[in-house]
C-alpha cells in the first residue's frame, strides 16, 4: 500500500519559517573547512512533485496518533539556492603544513587562503530510505530516517568551471547534507509541524 500526496503551493509564511529553520540547522556546529562564512538560504522551492511513502508496518493507529514504518522515495524538482563565502583553495585545507617548491612564489601564493563569495544551487534530489513516521495531534510530526536517504544531489556553484574546486565542494556539501538528513531534518520537520498541528485539527501548511 502507498500514499498519493496532493502537493500544494506552500504559503509565503511556510517558506519564511522553513528558510529560518533551515539556516539555523546549516549553521549549527562545525561547518566543513571549505565554508568560511554564515550560510544563507536565498531561495527554497518545494517543487511540484511529492515524495512517495510505501507502508511497511503500522504500529499505532488511533484518533489522536499514528505511527508507522515507511519506505520513502523522492525524485522531484525541488531545489535550494544558498549563499556563503568559501575557501576556494583546497590545497590550503588538505596540506596546511606542507610548503611545496618553497622557492616558487606562485606555489606559495596558491597555498594561502582565498576567501570568495559563492552561490550554490542544490537540485535533482533523489532520496530513498526507511523512515519511522509518527503523527500526533498534540505533539506534531516526528520523522526519523533509519538509513542514509541521500542517493543523489546535483550541486552547481560559482566554481563549476574549475574542476578541482567543483569536485571538492561537491564532496564537502554531500557530507554536510547526509549529516543534516540524519541529525537535523527530523527536528526541522517537528518544529514546523507544531505550527500546523493544533489540539484537535491538523492545519495544512498552505
N, C-alpha and C. Protein backbone atom coordinates (compact mmCIF):
# COMPACT_ATOMS: atom_id res chain seq x y z
N UNK A 1 0.84 -1.19 0.00
CA UNK A 1 0.00 0.00 0.00
C UNK A 1 0.88 1.24 0.00
N UNK A 2 0.43 2.30 -0.66
CA UNK A 2 1.18 3.53 -0.71
C UNK A 2 0.25 4.72 -0.66
N UNK A 3 0.82 5.90 -0.36
CA UNK A 3 0.06 7.14 -0.30
C UNK A 3 0.27 7.94 -1.58
N UNK A 4 -0.76 8.66 -1.99
CA UNK A 4 -0.63 9.65 -3.06
C UNK A 4 -0.87 11.03 -2.45
N UNK A 5 0.14 11.91 -2.53
CA UNK A 5 0.03 13.23 -1.94
C UNK A 5 -0.49 14.23 -2.96
N UNK A 6 -1.31 15.16 -2.47
CA UNK A 6 -1.61 16.34 -3.26
C UNK A 6 -0.63 17.42 -2.83
N UNK A 7 0.35 17.69 -3.68
CA UNK A 7 1.44 18.59 -3.31
C UNK A 7 1.01 20.03 -3.57
N UNK A 8 0.90 20.87 -2.56
CA UNK A 8 0.35 22.22 -2.74
C UNK A 8 1.43 23.23 -3.12
N UNK A 9 1.00 24.43 -3.42
CA UNK A 9 1.90 25.57 -3.45
C UNK A 9 1.95 26.11 -2.03
N UNK A 10 3.08 25.98 -1.39
CA UNK A 10 3.19 26.34 0.02
C UNK A 10 3.15 27.85 0.19
N UNK A 11 2.65 28.26 1.34
CA UNK A 11 2.43 29.68 1.60
C UNK A 11 3.74 30.42 1.82
N UNK A 12 3.67 31.76 1.72
CA UNK A 12 4.85 32.59 1.99
C UNK A 12 5.31 32.41 3.43
N UNK A 13 4.37 32.28 4.36
CA UNK A 13 4.74 32.09 5.76
C UNK A 13 5.47 30.78 5.97
N UNK A 14 5.02 29.73 5.27
CA UNK A 14 5.71 28.45 5.35
C UNK A 14 7.15 28.60 4.87
N UNK A 15 7.36 29.25 3.73
CA UNK A 15 8.70 29.42 3.20
C UNK A 15 9.58 30.22 4.15
N UNK A 16 9.01 31.28 4.74
CA UNK A 16 9.77 32.08 5.69
C UNK A 16 10.21 31.25 6.89
N UNK A 17 9.29 30.49 7.46
CA UNK A 17 9.61 29.65 8.62
C UNK A 17 10.61 28.56 8.24
N UNK A 18 10.40 27.95 7.07
CA UNK A 18 11.29 26.86 6.64
C UNK A 18 12.70 27.37 6.39
N UNK A 19 12.83 28.56 5.77
CA UNK A 19 14.14 29.13 5.50
C UNK A 19 14.87 29.45 6.79
N UNK A 20 14.17 30.05 7.75
CA UNK A 20 14.80 30.37 9.03
C UNK A 20 15.28 29.11 9.76
N UNK A 21 14.45 28.09 9.76
CA UNK A 21 14.81 26.84 10.44
C UNK A 21 15.95 26.15 9.73
N UNK A 22 15.92 26.15 8.39
CA UNK A 22 16.98 25.52 7.62
C UNK A 22 18.32 26.23 7.81
N UNK A 23 18.29 27.56 7.84
CA UNK A 23 19.53 28.31 8.07
C UNK A 23 20.11 28.00 9.44
N UNK A 24 19.26 27.89 10.45
CA UNK A 24 19.74 27.55 11.79
C UNK A 24 20.44 26.19 11.79
N UNK A 25 19.85 25.22 11.07
CA UNK A 25 20.44 23.89 11.01
C UNK A 25 21.76 23.89 10.24
N UNK A 26 21.82 24.62 9.13
CA UNK A 26 23.03 24.64 8.31
C UNK A 26 24.19 25.32 9.01
N UNK A 27 23.89 26.25 9.90
CA UNK A 27 24.95 26.99 10.58
C UNK A 27 25.25 26.46 11.98
N UNK A 28 24.63 25.37 12.35
CA UNK A 28 24.85 24.79 13.67
C UNK A 28 26.13 23.97 13.69
N UNK A 29 26.87 24.09 14.75
CA UNK A 29 28.05 23.24 14.92
C UNK A 29 29.18 23.61 13.97
N UNK A 30 30.06 22.64 13.74
CA UNK A 30 31.24 22.86 12.90
C UNK A 30 30.90 22.62 11.43
N UNK A 31 31.09 23.65 10.62
CA UNK A 31 30.88 23.52 9.18
C UNK A 31 32.14 22.98 8.53
N UNK A 32 32.04 22.45 7.32
CA UNK A 32 33.23 21.98 6.60
C UNK A 32 34.24 23.10 6.44
N UNK A 33 35.54 22.79 6.40
CA UNK A 33 36.56 23.85 6.27
C UNK A 33 36.38 24.72 5.04
N UNK A 34 35.76 24.18 4.00
CA UNK A 34 35.57 24.97 2.77
C UNK A 34 34.62 26.14 2.98
N UNK A 35 33.72 26.05 3.98
CA UNK A 35 32.75 27.11 4.25
C UNK A 35 33.38 28.12 5.20
N UNK A 36 33.49 29.38 4.75
CA UNK A 36 34.20 30.39 5.51
C UNK A 36 33.30 31.48 6.06
N UNK A 37 32.00 31.33 5.97
CA UNK A 37 31.08 32.35 6.45
C UNK A 37 29.73 31.71 6.76
N UNK A 38 28.82 32.51 7.25
CA UNK A 38 27.47 32.03 7.52
C UNK A 38 26.78 31.62 6.21
N UNK A 39 26.00 30.55 6.27
CA UNK A 39 25.25 30.07 5.11
C UNK A 39 23.86 30.70 5.13
N UNK A 40 23.48 31.33 4.03
CA UNK A 40 22.16 31.95 3.91
C UNK A 40 21.36 31.21 2.85
N UNK A 41 20.09 30.98 3.13
CA UNK A 41 19.19 30.38 2.15
C UNK A 41 18.58 31.50 1.32
N UNK A 42 18.98 31.60 0.05
CA UNK A 42 18.49 32.65 -0.83
C UNK A 42 17.14 32.27 -1.42
N UNK A 43 16.96 31.00 -1.74
CA UNK A 43 15.73 30.55 -2.39
C UNK A 43 15.44 29.12 -1.97
N UNK A 44 14.18 28.85 -1.67
CA UNK A 44 13.72 27.50 -1.33
C UNK A 44 12.48 27.20 -2.17
N UNK A 45 12.61 26.24 -3.07
CA UNK A 45 11.50 25.85 -3.93
C UNK A 45 11.13 24.40 -3.62
N UNK A 46 9.89 24.18 -3.19
CA UNK A 46 9.46 22.85 -2.80
C UNK A 46 9.12 21.96 -4.00
N UNK A 47 9.04 22.56 -5.19
CA UNK A 47 8.78 21.77 -6.38
C UNK A 47 7.32 21.39 -6.54
N UNK A 48 7.06 20.62 -7.59
CA UNK A 48 5.69 20.22 -7.92
C UNK A 48 5.44 18.73 -7.71
N UNK A 49 6.49 17.97 -7.42
CA UNK A 49 6.35 16.52 -7.28
C UNK A 49 6.49 16.10 -5.82
N UNK A 50 5.54 15.38 -5.29
CA UNK A 50 5.59 14.98 -3.87
C UNK A 50 6.49 13.76 -3.67
N UNK A 51 6.89 13.52 -2.43
CA UNK A 51 7.56 12.25 -2.11
C UNK A 51 6.55 11.11 -2.14
N UNK A 52 7.06 9.89 -2.19
CA UNK A 52 6.21 8.70 -2.15
C UNK A 52 6.51 7.93 -0.87
N UNK A 53 5.45 7.49 -0.20
CA UNK A 53 5.57 6.71 1.02
C UNK A 53 4.90 5.35 0.83
N UNK A 54 5.65 4.30 1.01
CA UNK A 54 5.12 2.94 0.93
C UNK A 54 5.03 2.36 2.34
N UNK A 55 3.84 1.97 2.75
CA UNK A 55 3.65 1.46 4.10
C UNK A 55 4.31 0.09 4.26
N UNK A 56 5.15 -0.03 5.28
CA UNK A 56 5.78 -1.32 5.58
C UNK A 56 5.26 -1.92 6.88
N UNK A 57 4.85 -1.04 7.80
CA UNK A 57 4.32 -1.55 9.07
C UNK A 57 3.56 -0.43 9.77
N UNK A 58 2.43 -0.76 10.39
CA UNK A 58 1.66 0.19 11.20
C UNK A 58 1.66 -0.30 12.64
N UNK A 59 2.26 0.50 13.52
CA UNK A 59 2.38 0.08 14.91
C UNK A 59 1.37 0.70 15.84
N UNK A 60 0.79 1.83 15.42
CA UNK A 60 -0.14 2.55 16.30
C UNK A 60 -1.10 3.34 15.42
N UNK A 61 -2.40 3.15 15.64
CA UNK A 61 -3.38 3.87 14.83
C UNK A 61 -4.59 4.19 15.70
N UNK A 62 -4.66 5.45 16.15
CA UNK A 62 -5.78 5.91 16.97
C UNK A 62 -6.27 7.23 16.40
N UNK A 63 -7.31 7.79 17.01
CA UNK A 63 -7.85 9.07 16.55
C UNK A 63 -6.87 10.22 16.80
N UNK A 64 -5.94 10.06 17.73
CA UNK A 64 -5.04 11.15 18.09
C UNK A 64 -3.60 10.92 17.66
N UNK A 65 -3.28 9.69 17.26
CA UNK A 65 -1.88 9.42 16.91
C UNK A 65 -1.77 8.30 15.88
N UNK A 66 -0.79 8.45 15.02
CA UNK A 66 -0.47 7.41 14.03
C UNK A 66 1.03 7.17 14.05
N UNK A 67 1.41 5.89 14.02
CA UNK A 67 2.83 5.55 13.97
C UNK A 67 3.01 4.43 12.96
N UNK A 68 3.97 4.59 12.07
CA UNK A 68 4.21 3.57 11.07
C UNK A 68 5.63 3.61 10.54
N UNK A 69 6.03 2.53 9.89
CA UNK A 69 7.32 2.45 9.21
C UNK A 69 7.06 2.47 7.71
N UNK A 70 7.76 3.35 7.01
CA UNK A 70 7.53 3.55 5.59
C UNK A 70 8.85 3.45 4.82
N UNK A 71 8.70 3.18 3.55
CA UNK A 71 9.82 3.39 2.64
C UNK A 71 9.54 4.70 1.89
N UNK A 72 10.43 5.66 2.07
CA UNK A 72 10.27 6.97 1.45
C UNK A 72 11.18 7.08 0.23
N UNK A 73 10.61 7.51 -0.89
CA UNK A 73 11.41 7.80 -2.08
C UNK A 73 11.02 9.17 -2.60
N UNK A 74 11.99 9.85 -3.18
CA UNK A 74 11.73 11.17 -3.75
C UNK A 74 12.67 11.40 -4.93
N UNK A 75 12.11 11.88 -6.03
CA UNK A 75 12.90 12.24 -7.21
C UNK A 75 12.21 13.41 -7.88
N UNK A 76 12.01 14.48 -7.13
CA UNK A 76 11.23 15.61 -7.60
C UNK A 76 12.07 16.77 -8.11
N UNK A 77 11.42 17.92 -8.24
CA UNK A 77 12.07 19.09 -8.83
C UNK A 77 12.29 20.21 -7.81
N UNK A 78 12.35 19.87 -6.54
CA UNK A 78 12.66 20.87 -5.52
C UNK A 78 14.12 21.30 -5.65
N UNK A 79 14.40 22.52 -5.20
CA UNK A 79 15.80 22.97 -5.20
C UNK A 79 16.00 24.03 -4.13
N UNK A 80 17.26 24.22 -3.78
CA UNK A 80 17.65 25.21 -2.77
C UNK A 80 18.82 26.00 -3.33
N UNK A 81 18.79 27.33 -3.15
CA UNK A 81 19.91 28.18 -3.52
C UNK A 81 20.50 28.77 -2.23
N UNK A 82 21.80 28.57 -2.03
CA UNK A 82 22.49 29.04 -0.84
C UNK A 82 23.53 30.10 -1.22
N UNK A 83 23.82 30.97 -0.25
CA UNK A 83 24.87 31.97 -0.44
C UNK A 83 25.79 31.94 0.76
N UNK A 84 27.09 31.95 0.50
CA UNK A 84 28.06 31.97 1.58
C UNK A 84 29.40 32.45 1.03
N UNK A 85 30.43 32.38 1.83
CA UNK A 85 31.79 32.61 1.37
C UNK A 85 32.59 31.33 1.59
N UNK A 86 33.46 31.02 0.66
CA UNK A 86 34.18 29.76 0.74
C UNK A 86 35.67 29.98 0.63
N UNK A 87 36.39 29.00 1.18
CA UNK A 87 37.83 28.91 0.99
C UNK A 87 38.04 28.19 -0.34
N UNK A 88 38.44 28.93 -1.36
CA UNK A 88 38.46 28.41 -2.72
C UNK A 88 39.72 27.65 -3.08
N UNK A 89 40.61 27.42 -2.11
CA UNK A 89 41.86 26.71 -2.38
C UNK A 89 41.90 25.43 -1.57
N UNK A 90 41.52 24.27 -2.14
CA UNK A 90 41.51 23.01 -1.40
C UNK A 90 42.87 22.65 -0.82
N UNK A 91 43.98 23.08 -1.49
CA UNK A 91 45.31 22.75 -1.00
C UNK A 91 45.56 23.33 0.38
N UNK A 92 44.95 24.48 0.67
CA UNK A 92 45.14 25.12 1.97
C UNK A 92 44.57 24.27 3.09
N UNK A 93 43.48 23.50 2.80
CA UNK A 93 42.87 22.64 3.81
C UNK A 93 43.57 21.30 3.91
N UNK A 94 43.92 20.75 2.75
CA UNK A 94 44.43 19.40 2.74
C UNK A 94 45.86 19.31 3.24
N UNK A 95 46.70 20.35 2.93
CA UNK A 95 48.11 20.28 3.30
C UNK A 95 48.57 21.62 3.86
N UNK A 96 48.06 22.02 5.02
CA UNK A 96 48.40 23.34 5.54
C UNK A 96 49.83 23.47 5.99
N UNK A 97 50.50 22.36 6.29
CA UNK A 97 51.85 22.41 6.82
C UNK A 97 52.90 22.04 5.79
N UNK A 98 52.49 21.77 4.55
CA UNK A 98 53.42 21.37 3.52
C UNK A 98 53.71 22.56 2.61
N UNK A 99 54.96 22.91 2.42
CA UNK A 99 55.35 24.01 1.56
C UNK A 99 56.07 23.44 0.36
N UNK A 100 55.33 23.22 -0.72
CA UNK A 100 55.90 22.64 -1.92
C UNK A 100 56.66 23.70 -2.70
N UNK A 101 57.85 23.33 -3.19
CA UNK A 101 58.62 24.22 -4.05
C UNK A 101 58.72 25.60 -3.41
N UNK A 102 59.35 25.63 -2.24
CA UNK A 102 59.37 26.86 -1.46
C UNK A 102 60.05 28.01 -2.20
N UNK A 103 60.82 27.68 -3.23
CA UNK A 103 61.44 28.74 -3.99
C UNK A 103 60.53 29.39 -5.00
N UNK A 104 59.33 28.87 -5.15
CA UNK A 104 58.40 29.39 -6.16
C UNK A 104 57.35 30.26 -5.49
N UNK A 105 57.32 31.54 -5.84
CA UNK A 105 56.34 32.45 -5.27
C UNK A 105 54.93 32.03 -5.68
N UNK A 106 54.79 31.44 -6.89
CA UNK A 106 53.48 31.01 -7.36
C UNK A 106 52.89 29.92 -6.49
N UNK A 107 53.68 28.92 -6.12
CA UNK A 107 53.18 27.83 -5.29
C UNK A 107 52.88 28.32 -3.88
N UNK A 108 53.68 29.23 -3.35
CA UNK A 108 53.41 29.76 -2.02
C UNK A 108 52.09 30.53 -2.02
N UNK A 109 51.84 31.29 -3.07
CA UNK A 109 50.59 32.03 -3.15
C UNK A 109 49.40 31.09 -3.25
N UNK A 110 49.57 29.96 -3.95
CA UNK A 110 48.47 29.01 -4.11
C UNK A 110 48.14 28.31 -2.82
N UNK A 111 49.10 28.31 -1.88
CA UNK A 111 48.88 27.60 -0.63
C UNK A 111 48.40 28.54 0.47
N UNK A 112 47.91 29.72 0.12
CA UNK A 112 47.37 30.67 1.06
C UNK A 112 45.84 30.67 0.97
N UNK A 113 45.15 31.05 2.04
CA UNK A 113 43.68 31.08 1.99
C UNK A 113 43.17 32.09 0.99
N UNK A 114 42.12 31.73 0.29
CA UNK A 114 41.47 32.61 -0.68
C UNK A 114 39.97 32.56 -0.41
N UNK A 115 39.43 33.59 0.22
CA UNK A 115 38.03 33.65 0.62
C UNK A 115 37.25 34.41 -0.44
N UNK A 116 36.26 33.76 -1.03
CA UNK A 116 35.47 34.39 -2.08
C UNK A 116 33.99 34.10 -1.87
N UNK A 117 33.09 34.99 -2.32
CA UNK A 117 31.64 34.72 -2.22
C UNK A 117 31.23 33.64 -3.20
N UNK A 118 30.16 32.94 -2.87
CA UNK A 118 29.72 31.85 -3.73
C UNK A 118 28.21 31.67 -3.62
N UNK A 119 27.57 31.43 -4.75
CA UNK A 119 26.19 30.97 -4.79
C UNK A 119 26.21 29.47 -5.09
N UNK A 120 25.34 28.73 -4.42
CA UNK A 120 25.33 27.27 -4.51
C UNK A 120 23.89 26.82 -4.75
N UNK A 121 23.68 26.05 -5.81
CA UNK A 121 22.33 25.56 -6.13
C UNK A 121 22.30 24.04 -5.99
N UNK A 122 21.40 23.55 -5.12
CA UNK A 122 21.23 22.12 -4.88
C UNK A 122 19.92 21.68 -5.52
N UNK A 123 20.00 20.72 -6.43
CA UNK A 123 18.80 20.30 -7.15
C UNK A 123 18.90 18.81 -7.50
N UNK A 124 17.86 18.31 -8.16
CA UNK A 124 17.80 16.91 -8.58
C UNK A 124 18.04 15.97 -7.40
N UNK A 125 17.35 16.25 -6.30
CA UNK A 125 17.46 15.38 -5.12
C UNK A 125 16.82 14.03 -5.42
N UNK A 126 17.52 12.97 -5.04
CA UNK A 126 16.96 11.62 -5.08
C UNK A 126 17.17 11.00 -3.70
N UNK A 127 16.04 10.66 -3.07
CA UNK A 127 16.06 10.11 -1.72
C UNK A 127 15.45 8.73 -1.72
N UNK A 128 15.99 7.86 -0.87
CA UNK A 128 15.45 6.51 -0.72
C UNK A 128 15.85 6.00 0.65
N UNK A 129 14.87 5.79 1.52
CA UNK A 129 15.20 5.39 2.89
C UNK A 129 13.98 4.82 3.59
N UNK A 130 14.21 4.00 4.60
CA UNK A 130 13.15 3.58 5.51
C UNK A 130 13.05 4.62 6.62
N UNK A 131 11.82 5.01 6.93
CA UNK A 131 11.60 6.04 7.94
C UNK A 131 10.54 5.57 8.93
N UNK A 132 10.68 6.07 10.15
CA UNK A 132 9.63 5.91 11.16
C UNK A 132 8.89 7.24 11.24
N UNK A 133 7.58 7.20 11.00
CA UNK A 133 6.76 8.40 10.98
C UNK A 133 5.72 8.33 12.08
N UNK A 134 5.69 9.36 12.92
CA UNK A 134 4.69 9.48 13.98
C UNK A 134 3.97 10.80 13.80
N UNK A 135 2.64 10.74 13.68
CA UNK A 135 1.82 11.95 13.56
C UNK A 135 0.91 12.01 14.79
N UNK A 136 1.07 13.06 15.57
CA UNK A 136 0.29 13.23 16.79
C UNK A 136 -0.43 14.57 16.75
N UNK A 137 -1.70 14.58 17.11
CA UNK A 137 -2.47 15.82 17.15
C UNK A 137 -1.94 16.77 18.21
N UNK A 138 -1.35 16.22 19.26
CA UNK A 138 -0.85 17.05 20.34
C UNK A 138 0.61 17.48 20.16
N UNK A 139 1.42 16.59 19.57
CA UNK A 139 2.86 16.83 19.54
C UNK A 139 3.42 17.14 18.16
N UNK A 140 2.64 16.96 17.11
CA UNK A 140 3.14 17.25 15.78
C UNK A 140 3.66 16.01 15.07
N UNK A 141 4.58 16.22 14.14
CA UNK A 141 5.10 15.14 13.30
C UNK A 141 6.54 14.83 13.68
N UNK A 142 6.82 13.55 13.86
CA UNK A 142 8.18 13.09 14.11
C UNK A 142 8.58 12.15 12.99
N UNK A 143 9.70 12.44 12.35
CA UNK A 143 10.19 11.63 11.25
C UNK A 143 11.65 11.27 11.51
N UNK A 144 11.96 9.97 11.50
CA UNK A 144 13.32 9.50 11.76
C UNK A 144 13.77 8.62 10.60
N UNK A 145 14.91 8.96 10.00
CA UNK A 145 15.47 8.15 8.92
C UNK A 145 16.25 6.98 9.53
N UNK A 146 15.92 5.76 9.09
CA UNK A 146 16.61 4.58 9.59
C UNK A 146 17.88 4.29 8.78
N UNK A 147 17.94 4.77 7.55
CA UNK A 147 19.12 4.60 6.70
C UNK A 147 19.45 5.92 6.04
N UNK A 148 20.63 6.04 5.49
CA UNK A 148 21.05 7.25 4.79
C UNK A 148 20.14 7.46 3.58
N UNK A 149 19.38 8.56 3.52
CA UNK A 149 18.40 8.72 2.44
C UNK A 149 18.97 9.30 1.15
N UNK A 150 20.12 9.98 1.21
CA UNK A 150 20.59 10.74 0.06
C UNK A 150 21.23 9.82 -0.98
N UNK A 151 20.55 9.66 -2.10
CA UNK A 151 21.07 8.88 -3.21
C UNK A 151 21.79 9.76 -4.24
N UNK A 152 21.30 10.97 -4.42
CA UNK A 152 21.91 11.87 -5.40
C UNK A 152 21.49 13.31 -5.11
N UNK A 153 22.39 14.23 -5.40
CA UNK A 153 22.06 15.66 -5.43
C UNK A 153 23.03 16.31 -6.40
N UNK A 154 22.49 17.16 -7.27
CA UNK A 154 23.33 17.92 -8.19
C UNK A 154 23.68 19.25 -7.54
N UNK A 155 24.97 19.55 -7.48
CA UNK A 155 25.43 20.78 -6.85
C UNK A 155 26.15 21.62 -7.89
N UNK A 156 25.57 22.77 -8.19
CA UNK A 156 26.22 23.71 -9.12
C UNK A 156 26.56 24.97 -8.35
N UNK A 157 27.71 25.57 -8.70
CA UNK A 157 28.17 26.73 -7.96
C UNK A 157 28.91 27.69 -8.88
N UNK A 158 29.39 28.76 -8.27
CA UNK A 158 30.16 29.76 -8.99
C UNK A 158 31.43 29.17 -9.60
N UNK A 159 31.88 28.03 -9.07
CA UNK A 159 33.17 27.48 -9.47
C UNK A 159 33.05 26.23 -10.33
N UNK A 160 31.94 26.06 -11.00
CA UNK A 160 31.76 24.86 -11.83
C UNK A 160 32.80 24.74 -12.93
N UNK A 161 33.34 25.87 -13.39
CA UNK A 161 34.32 25.82 -14.48
C UNK A 161 35.70 25.35 -14.01
N UNK A 162 35.91 25.28 -12.68
CA UNK A 162 37.19 24.83 -12.13
C UNK A 162 36.96 23.45 -11.53
N UNK A 163 37.38 22.41 -12.25
CA UNK A 163 37.01 21.03 -11.92
C UNK A 163 37.45 20.62 -10.52
N UNK A 164 38.67 20.98 -10.14
CA UNK A 164 39.20 20.55 -8.84
C UNK A 164 38.35 21.13 -7.70
N UNK A 165 38.05 22.43 -7.79
CA UNK A 165 37.26 23.07 -6.74
C UNK A 165 35.83 22.55 -6.75
N UNK A 166 35.26 22.33 -7.95
CA UNK A 166 33.89 21.84 -8.05
C UNK A 166 33.76 20.47 -7.39
N UNK A 167 34.72 19.58 -7.64
CA UNK A 167 34.67 18.25 -7.04
C UNK A 167 34.83 18.32 -5.52
N UNK A 168 35.70 19.20 -5.07
CA UNK A 168 35.93 19.36 -3.64
C UNK A 168 34.67 19.85 -2.94
N UNK A 169 34.02 20.87 -3.53
CA UNK A 169 32.78 21.41 -2.96
C UNK A 169 31.68 20.35 -2.96
N UNK A 170 31.56 19.58 -4.05
CA UNK A 170 30.55 18.53 -4.14
C UNK A 170 30.71 17.53 -2.99
N UNK A 171 31.94 17.10 -2.75
CA UNK A 171 32.20 16.12 -1.69
C UNK A 171 31.86 16.68 -0.32
N UNK A 172 32.30 17.93 -0.06
CA UNK A 172 32.07 18.53 1.25
C UNK A 172 30.58 18.76 1.51
N UNK A 173 29.87 19.28 0.52
CA UNK A 173 28.44 19.58 0.70
C UNK A 173 27.63 18.31 0.83
N UNK A 174 27.96 17.27 0.06
CA UNK A 174 27.25 16.00 0.19
C UNK A 174 27.39 15.45 1.61
N UNK A 175 28.59 15.53 2.16
CA UNK A 175 28.79 15.07 3.54
C UNK A 175 27.96 15.85 4.53
N UNK A 176 27.89 17.17 4.33
CA UNK A 176 27.08 18.01 5.22
C UNK A 176 25.60 17.67 5.10
N UNK A 177 25.14 17.41 3.86
CA UNK A 177 23.74 17.07 3.65
C UNK A 177 23.37 15.75 4.31
N UNK A 178 24.24 14.75 4.17
CA UNK A 178 23.96 13.45 4.79
C UNK A 178 23.80 13.59 6.30
N UNK A 179 24.66 14.40 6.90
CA UNK A 179 24.55 14.63 8.34
C UNK A 179 23.26 15.37 8.67
N UNK A 180 22.88 16.35 7.83
CA UNK A 180 21.68 17.13 8.11
C UNK A 180 20.43 16.26 8.03
N UNK A 181 20.36 15.36 7.04
CA UNK A 181 19.20 14.49 6.91
C UNK A 181 19.04 13.61 8.14
N UNK A 182 20.14 13.08 8.65
CA UNK A 182 20.04 12.16 9.78
C UNK A 182 19.86 12.88 11.12
N UNK A 183 20.49 14.05 11.29
CA UNK A 183 20.52 14.68 12.60
C UNK A 183 19.63 15.92 12.72
N UNK A 184 19.50 16.70 11.65
CA UNK A 184 18.81 17.99 11.76
C UNK A 184 17.41 18.01 11.15
N UNK A 185 17.22 17.33 10.01
CA UNK A 185 15.92 17.39 9.32
C UNK A 185 14.76 16.91 10.19
N UNK A 186 14.91 15.82 10.96
CA UNK A 186 13.79 15.42 11.85
C UNK A 186 13.36 16.54 12.79
N UNK A 187 14.32 17.29 13.33
CA UNK A 187 13.98 18.40 14.21
C UNK A 187 13.31 19.54 13.47
N UNK A 188 13.76 19.80 12.23
CA UNK A 188 13.14 20.86 11.41
C UNK A 188 11.68 20.52 11.14
N UNK A 189 11.43 19.28 10.70
CA UNK A 189 10.06 18.86 10.41
C UNK A 189 9.18 18.93 11.65
N UNK A 190 9.74 18.51 12.78
CA UNK A 190 8.95 18.52 14.02
C UNK A 190 8.58 19.94 14.42
N UNK A 191 9.54 20.86 14.36
CA UNK A 191 9.26 22.24 14.76
C UNK A 191 8.25 22.90 13.82
N UNK A 192 8.41 22.66 12.53
CA UNK A 192 7.45 23.24 11.59
C UNK A 192 6.05 22.65 11.78
N UNK A 193 5.98 21.35 12.04
CA UNK A 193 4.68 20.69 12.18
C UNK A 193 3.91 21.20 13.39
N UNK A 194 4.64 21.63 14.41
CA UNK A 194 3.95 22.13 15.60
C UNK A 194 3.18 23.41 15.32
N UNK A 195 3.52 24.10 14.22
CA UNK A 195 2.76 25.28 13.85
C UNK A 195 1.48 24.92 13.09
N UNK A 196 1.45 23.71 12.54
CA UNK A 196 0.27 23.28 11.77
C UNK A 196 -0.70 22.45 12.61
N UNK A 197 -0.12 21.71 13.57
CA UNK A 197 -0.93 20.76 14.32
C UNK A 197 -1.49 21.43 15.57
N UNK A 198 -2.80 21.44 15.68
CA UNK A 198 -3.46 22.01 16.85
C UNK A 198 -4.01 20.88 17.72
N UNK A 199 -4.70 21.26 18.77
CA UNK A 199 -5.18 20.25 19.72
C UNK A 199 -6.16 19.27 19.09
N UNK A 200 -6.97 19.72 18.17
CA UNK A 200 -7.99 18.83 17.62
C UNK A 200 -7.95 18.70 16.11
N UNK A 201 -7.19 19.60 15.43
CA UNK A 201 -7.16 19.54 13.97
C UNK A 201 -5.74 19.67 13.47
N UNK A 202 -5.53 19.19 12.27
CA UNK A 202 -4.24 19.37 11.60
C UNK A 202 -4.46 20.36 10.48
N UNK A 203 -3.79 21.51 10.56
CA UNK A 203 -3.95 22.54 9.56
C UNK A 203 -2.91 22.35 8.46
N UNK A 204 -3.35 22.36 7.22
CA UNK A 204 -2.42 22.22 6.10
C UNK A 204 -1.55 23.47 5.99
N UNK A 205 -0.25 23.31 5.62
CA UNK A 205 0.68 24.46 5.60
C UNK A 205 0.59 25.25 4.31
N UNK A 206 -0.61 25.51 3.83
CA UNK A 206 -0.76 26.26 2.58
C UNK A 206 -2.10 26.94 2.56
